[in-house]
Amino acid sequence: MSVVAQALDQQVAVQMRLATEDDLPGVLRLYAQPELDGERVISLEGATAIFRCMQDYPSYSLIAAEADGKIVGTYTLLMAQNIAHGGAFSAVVESVAVDPDMQGHGIGRAMMADAIARARTQGCYKLALSSNARRKRAHEFYERLGFAQHGLSFVVDPGADR
């Protein structure tokens, strides 16, 4: 699926597609941004092993945003059918990243439009995402796209001593 991501003064032709193993170096480059995973980026071998496991999950996808033959954005999308909510599917977006040189050019907007379209096609009753509390600019971006803060999210480090 090709879309044109529009920014204030530029248009960037972006292709949204399922990522392949060949895309993993580009994806890892995006996750290496300091405000994202920074030094916690796994090896290509580790990413390949995880990617292959993802292929066994129904409706779990790594999405690549490509422009001019380069991976300029990525996100993961998990869609799961629920026993609650009348058996409807719900969707979760995770691991959103855009090339720093391409931020402000509509890539993130195109990725979220793609995620919403995929969730709609699956009949999801909601599309949720989480974002680190310190990423205020990202929160403002998501709100401009129509996302609303809903409920509270709680996390625990299962490896920490209690």
C-alpha atoms as a PDB file:
ATOM      1  CA  MET A   1       0.000   0.000   0.000  1.00  0.00           C
ATOM      2  CA  SER A   2       1.502   3.343  -1.021  1.00  0.00           C
ATOM      3  CA  VAL A   3       0.539   6.596   0.583  1.00  0.00           C
ATOM      4  CA  VAL A   4       1.761  10.139   0.311  1.00  0.00           C
ATOM      5  CA  ALA A   5       2.676  11.567   3.688  1.00  0.00           C
ATOM      6  CA  GLN A   6       2.111  15.299   3.753  1.00  0.00           C
ATOM      7  CA  ALA A   7       4.051  17.728   5.874  1.00  0.00           C
ATOM      8  CA  LEU A   8       3.732  21.465   6.141  1.00  0.00           C
ATOM      9  CA  ASP A   9       5.932  22.171   3.131  1.00  0.00           C
ATOM     10  CA  GLN A  10       6.897  18.796   1.659  1.00  0.00           C
ATOM     11  CA  GLN A  11       5.404  15.594   0.355  1.00  0.00           C
ATOM     12  CA  VAL A  12       7.210  12.317   0.863  1.00  0.00           C
ATOM     13  CA  ALA A  13       6.053   9.206  -0.990  1.00  0.00           C
ATOM     14  CA  VAL A  14       5.971   6.429   1.586  1.00  0.00           C
ATOM     15  CA  GLN A  15       5.220   2.776   1.088  1.00  0.00           C
ATOM     16  CA  MET A  16       3.767   1.046   4.144  1.00  0.00           C
ATOM     17  CA  ARG A  17       4.395  -2.693   4.067  1.00  0.00           C
ATOM     18  CA  LEU A  18       5.134  -5.734   6.157  1.00  0.00           C
ATOM     19  CA  ALA A  19       8.806  -5.750   7.029  1.00  0.00           C
ATOM     20  CA  THR A  20      11.091  -8.545   5.876  1.00  0.00           C
ATOM     21  CA  GLU A  21      14.279  -9.910   7.393  1.00  0.00           C
ATOM     22  CA  ASP A  22      16.199  -7.761   4.916  1.00  0.00           C
ATOM     23  CA  ASP A  23      14.674  -4.679   6.592  1.00  0.00           C
ATOM     24  CA  LEU A  24      16.013  -5.493  10.058  1.00  0.00           C
ATOM     25  CA  PRO A  25      19.281  -3.499   9.780  1.00  0.00           C
ATOM     26  CA  GLY A  26      17.237  -0.400   8.889  1.00  0.00           C
ATOM     27  CA  VAL A  27      14.781  -1.060  11.716  1.00  0.00           C
ATOM     28  CA  LEU A  28      17.603  -1.489  14.236  1.00  0.00           C
ATOM     29  CA  ARG A  29      19.132   1.789  13.020  1.00  0.00           C
ATOM     30  CA  LEU A  30      15.857   3.545  13.873  1.00  0.00           C
ATOM     31  CA  TYR A  31      15.680   1.965  17.331  1.00  0.00           C
ATOM     32  CA  ALA A  32      19.239   3.125  18.080  1.00  0.00           C
ATOM     33  CA  GLN A  33      18.017   6.717  18.541  1.00  0.00           C
ATOM     34  CA  PRO A  34      18.999   7.956  22.024  1.00  0.00           C
ATOM     35  CA  GLU A  35      15.410   8.826  22.993  1.00  0.00           C
ATOM     36  CA  LEU A  36      14.297   5.301  22.075  1.00  0.00           C
ATOM     37  CA  ASP A  37      16.402   2.236  22.874  1.00  0.00           C
ATOM     38  CA  GLY A  38      19.788   3.920  22.409  1.00  0.00           C
ATOM     39  CA  GLU A  39      22.465   1.526  23.603  1.00  0.00           C
ATOM     40  CA  ARG A  40      19.929  -1.245  24.305  1.00  0.00           C
ATOM     41  CA  VAL A  41      19.513  -2.188  20.641  1.00  0.00           C
ATOM     42  CA  ILE A  42      19.923  -5.916  20.155  1.00  0.00           C
ATOM     43  CA  SER A  43      22.162  -7.569  17.600  1.00  0.00           C
ATOM     44  CA  LEU A  44      21.005  -8.338  14.096  1.00  0.00           C
ATOM     45  CA  GLU A  45      21.125 -12.030  14.982  1.00  0.00           C
ATOM     46  CA  GLY A  46      18.875 -11.441  18.003  1.00  0.00           C
ATOM     47  CA  ALA A  47      16.471  -9.318  15.965  1.00  0.00           C
ATOM     48  CA  THR A  48      16.318 -12.002  13.276  1.00  0.00           C
ATOM     49  CA  ALA A  49      15.452 -14.681  15.831  1.00  0.00           C
ATOM     50  CA  ILE A  50      12.683 -12.511  17.300  1.00  0.00           C
ATOM     51  CA  PHE A  51      11.385 -11.597  13.844  1.00  0.00           C
ATOM     52  CA  ARG A  52      11.123 -15.274  12.950  1.00  0.00           C
ATOM     53  CA  CYS A  53       9.184 -15.963  16.169  1.00  0.00           C
ATOM     54  CA  MET A  54       6.828 -13.074  15.348  1.00  0.00           C
ATOM     55  CA  GLN A  55       5.942 -14.881  12.120  1.00  0.00           C
ATOM     56  CA  ASP A  56       4.370 -17.676  14.223  1.00  0.00           C
ATOM     57  CA  TYR A  57       1.968 -15.298  15.978  1.00  0.00           C
ATOM     58  CA  PRO A  58      -1.298 -14.618  14.199  1.00  0.00           C
ATOM     59  CA  SER A  59      -1.784 -10.908  13.527  1.00  0.00           C
ATOM     60  CA  TYR A  60       1.592  -9.766  14.929  1.00  0.00           C
ATOM     61  CA  SER A  61       3.415  -7.629  12.387  1.00  0.00           C
ATOM     62  CA  LEU A  62       6.505  -5.500  12.032  1.00  0.00           C
ATOM     63  CA  ILE A  63       5.603  -2.705   9.633  1.00  0.00           C
ATOM     64  CA  ALA A  64       8.150  -0.791   7.570  1.00  0.00           C
ATOM     65  CA  ALA A  65       7.702   2.694   6.142  1.00  0.00           C
ATOM     66  CA  GLU A  66       9.925   2.990   3.089  1.00  0.00           C
ATOM     67  CA  ALA A  67      10.816   6.092   1.088  1.00  0.00           C
ATOM     68  CA  ASP A  68      13.301   6.151  -1.775  1.00  0.00           C
ATOM     69  CA  GLY A  69      14.409   2.598  -0.979  1.00  0.00           C
ATOM     70  CA  LYS A  70      15.247   3.415   2.666  1.00  0.00           C
ATOM     71  CA  ILE A  71      13.450   2.374   5.854  1.00  0.00           C
ATOM     72  CA  VAL A  72      12.351   5.712   7.350  1.00  0.00           C
ATOM     73  CA  GLY A  73       9.901   4.458   9.958  1.00  0.00           C
ATOM     74  CA  THR A  74       8.667   1.341  11.696  1.00  0.00           C
ATOM     75  CA  TYR A  75       6.152   0.090  14.217  1.00  0.00           C
ATOM     76  CA  THR A  76       4.779  -3.197  15.469  1.00  0.00           C
ATOM     77  CA  LEU A  77       1.099  -4.034  15.420  1.00  0.00           C
ATOM     78  CA  LEU A  78      -0.485  -6.810  17.441  1.00  0.00           C
ATOM     79  CA  MET A  79      -4.134  -7.624  16.841  1.00  0.00           C
ATOM     80  CA  ALA A  80      -5.716 -10.151  19.181  1.00  0.00           C
ATOM     81  CA  GLN A  81      -9.203 -11.537  19.456  1.00  0.00           C
ATOM     82  CA  ASN A  82     -10.755 -11.158  22.892  1.00  0.00           C
ATOM     83  CA  ILE A  83     -13.057 -13.414  24.867  1.00  0.00           C
ATOM     84  CA  ALA A  84     -14.516 -10.188  26.289  1.00  0.00           C
ATOM     85  CA  HIS A  85     -16.004  -7.430  24.129  1.00  0.00           C
ATOM     86  CA  GLY A  86     -18.175  -9.889  22.221  1.00  0.00           C
ATOM     87  CA  GLY A  87     -15.144 -11.642  20.773  1.00  0.00           C
ATOM     88  CA  ALA A  88     -13.972  -8.483  19.019  1.00  0.00           C
ATOM     89  CA  PHE A  89     -10.342  -7.892  18.151  1.00  0.00           C
ATOM     90  CA  SER A  90      -8.271  -5.160  19.750  1.00  0.00           C
ATOM     91  CA  ALA A  91      -4.997  -3.765  18.431  1.00  0.00           C
ATOM     92  CA  VAL A  92      -1.835  -2.466  20.071  1.00  0.00           C
ATOM     93  CA  VAL A  93       0.830  -0.340  18.393  1.00  0.00           C
ATOM     94  CA  GLU A  94       4.306  -0.576  19.896  1.00  0.00           C
ATOM     95  CA  SER A  95       7.884   0.337  19.054  1.00  0.00           C
ATOM     96  CA  VAL A  96       7.123   3.364  16.882  1.00  0.00           C
ATOM     97  CA  ALA A  97      10.216   4.986  15.393  1.00  0.00           C
ATOM     98  CA  VAL A  98      10.836   7.522  12.617  1.00  0.00           C
ATOM     99  CA  ASP A  99      14.202   8.443  11.137  1.00  0.00           C
ATOM    100  CA  PRO A 100      15.257  11.702  12.860  1.00  0.00           C
ATOM    101  CA  ASP A 101      16.037  13.275   9.471  1.00  0.00           C
ATOM    102  CA  MET A 102      12.484  12.502   8.317  1.00  0.00           C
ATOM    103  CA  GLN A 103      10.575  13.671  11.372  1.00  0.00           C
ATOM    104  CA  GLY A 104       8.115  16.418  10.557  1.00  0.00           C
ATOM    105  CA  HIS A 105       7.587  15.099   7.023  1.00  0.00           C
ATOM    106  CA  GLY A 106       4.421  13.108   7.698  1.00  0.00           C
ATOM    107  CA  ILE A 107       6.010   9.683   8.145  1.00  0.00           C
ATOM    108  CA  GLY A 108       4.575   9.147  11.640  1.00  0.00           C
ATOM    109  CA  ARG A 109       1.170  10.364  10.470  1.00  0.00           C
ATOM    110  CA  ALA A 110       1.278   7.872   7.575  1.00  0.00           C
ATOM    111  CA  MET A 111       2.295   5.047   9.918  1.00  0.00           C
ATOM    112  CA  MET A 112      -0.553   5.749  12.340  1.00  0.00           C
ATOM    113  CA  ALA A 113      -3.041   6.038   9.461  1.00  0.00           C
ATOM    114  CA  ASP A 114      -1.784   2.655   8.276  1.00  0.00           C
ATOM    115  CA  ALA A 115      -2.164   1.129  11.753  1.00  0.00           C
ATOM    116  CA  ILE A 116      -5.698   2.503  12.061  1.00  0.00           C
ATOM    117  CA  ALA A 117      -6.614   1.156   8.614  1.00  0.00           C
ATOM    118  CA  ARG A 118      -5.234  -2.294   9.452  1.00  0.00           C
ATOM    119  CA  ALA A 119      -7.132  -2.336  12.775  1.00  0.00           C
ATOM    120  CA  ARG A 120     -10.333  -1.198  11.053  1.00  0.00           C
ATOM    121  CA  THR A 121      -9.974  -3.935   8.409  1.00  0.00           C
ATOM    122  CA  GLN A 122      -9.617  -6.541  11.191  1.00  0.00           C
ATOM    123  CA  GLY A 123     -12.718  -5.151  12.934  1.00  0.00           C
ATOM    124  CA  CYS A 124     -10.870  -4.040  16.059  1.00  0.00           C
ATOM    125  CA  TYR A 125     -12.948  -2.221  18.647  1.00  0.00           C
ATOM    126  CA  LYS A 126      -9.900  -0.189  19.739  1.00  0.00           C
ATOM    127  CA  LEU A 127      -6.347   0.625  18.795  1.00  0.00           C
ATOM    128  CA  ALA A 128      -4.120   1.388  21.755  1.00  0.00           C
ATOM    129  CA  LEU A 129      -0.524   2.488  22.045  1.00  0.00           C
ATOM    130  CA  SER A 130       1.775   3.274  24.882  1.00  0.00           C
ATOM    131  CA  SER A 131       4.457   5.898  25.020  1.00  0.00           C
ATOM    132  CA  ASN A 132       7.106   6.613  27.600  1.00  0.00           C
ATOM    133  CA  ALA A 133       5.887   9.300  30.005  1.00  0.00           C
ATOM    134  CA  ARG A 134       8.899  11.524  29.234  1.00  0.00           C
ATOM    135  CA  ARG A 135       8.148  11.713  25.468  1.00  0.00           C
ATOM    136  CA  LYS A 136       5.895  14.790  25.612  1.00  0.00           C
ATOM    137  CA  ARG A 137       6.314  15.681  21.912  1.00  0.00           C
ATOM    138  CA  ALA A 138       5.183  12.188  20.946  1.00  0.00           C
ATOM    139  CA  HIS A 139       2.110  12.523  23.192  1.00  0.00           C
ATOM    140  CA  GLU A 140       1.180  15.811  21.543  1.00  0.00           C
ATOM    141  CA  PHE A 141       1.619  14.185  18.135  1.00  0.00           C
ATOM    142  CA  TYR A 142      -0.666  11.264  19.007  1.00  0.00           C
ATOM    143  CA  GLU A 143      -3.297  13.628  20.406  1.00  0.00           C
ATOM    144  CA  ARG A 144      -3.247  15.638  17.163  1.00  0.00           C
ATOM    145  CA  LEU A 145      -4.007  12.385  15.340  1.00  0.00           C
ATOM    146  CA  GLY A 146      -7.074  11.764  17.491  1.00  0.00           C
ATOM    147  CA  PHE A 147      -5.635   9.443  20.117  1.00  0.00           C
ATOM    148  CA  ALA A 148      -6.939  10.181  23.609  1.00  0.00           C
ATOM    149  CA  GLN A 149      -5.420   9.217  26.908  1.00  0.00           C
ATOM    150  CA  HIS A 150      -7.533   6.375  28.240  1.00  0.00           C
ATOM    151  CA  GLY A 151      -7.251   4.795  31.637  1.00  0.00           C
ATOM    152  CA  LEU A 152      -3.942   4.220  33.347  1.00  0.00           C
ATOM    153  CA  SER A 153      -1.096   1.975  32.411  1.00  0.00           C
ATOM    154  CA  PHE A 154       0.819   0.148  35.123  1.00  0.00           C
ATOM    155  CA  VAL A 155       4.080  -1.714  34.670  1.00  0.00           C
ATOM    156  CA  VAL A 156       6.291  -3.852  36.843  1.00  0.00           C
ATOM    157  CA  ASP A 157       9.776  -5.176  36.234  1.00  0.00           C
ATOM    158  CA  PRO A 158       9.307  -8.904  36.826  1.00  0.00           C
ATOM    159  CA  GLY A 159      13.068  -9.285  37.355  1.00  0.00           C
ATOM    160  CA  ALA A 160      13.257  -6.760  40.184  1.00  0.00           C
ATOM    161  CA  ASP A 161      13.459  -7.878  43.800  1.00  0.00           C
ATOM    162  CA  ARG A 162      10.297  -7.217  45.789  1.00  0.00           C
END
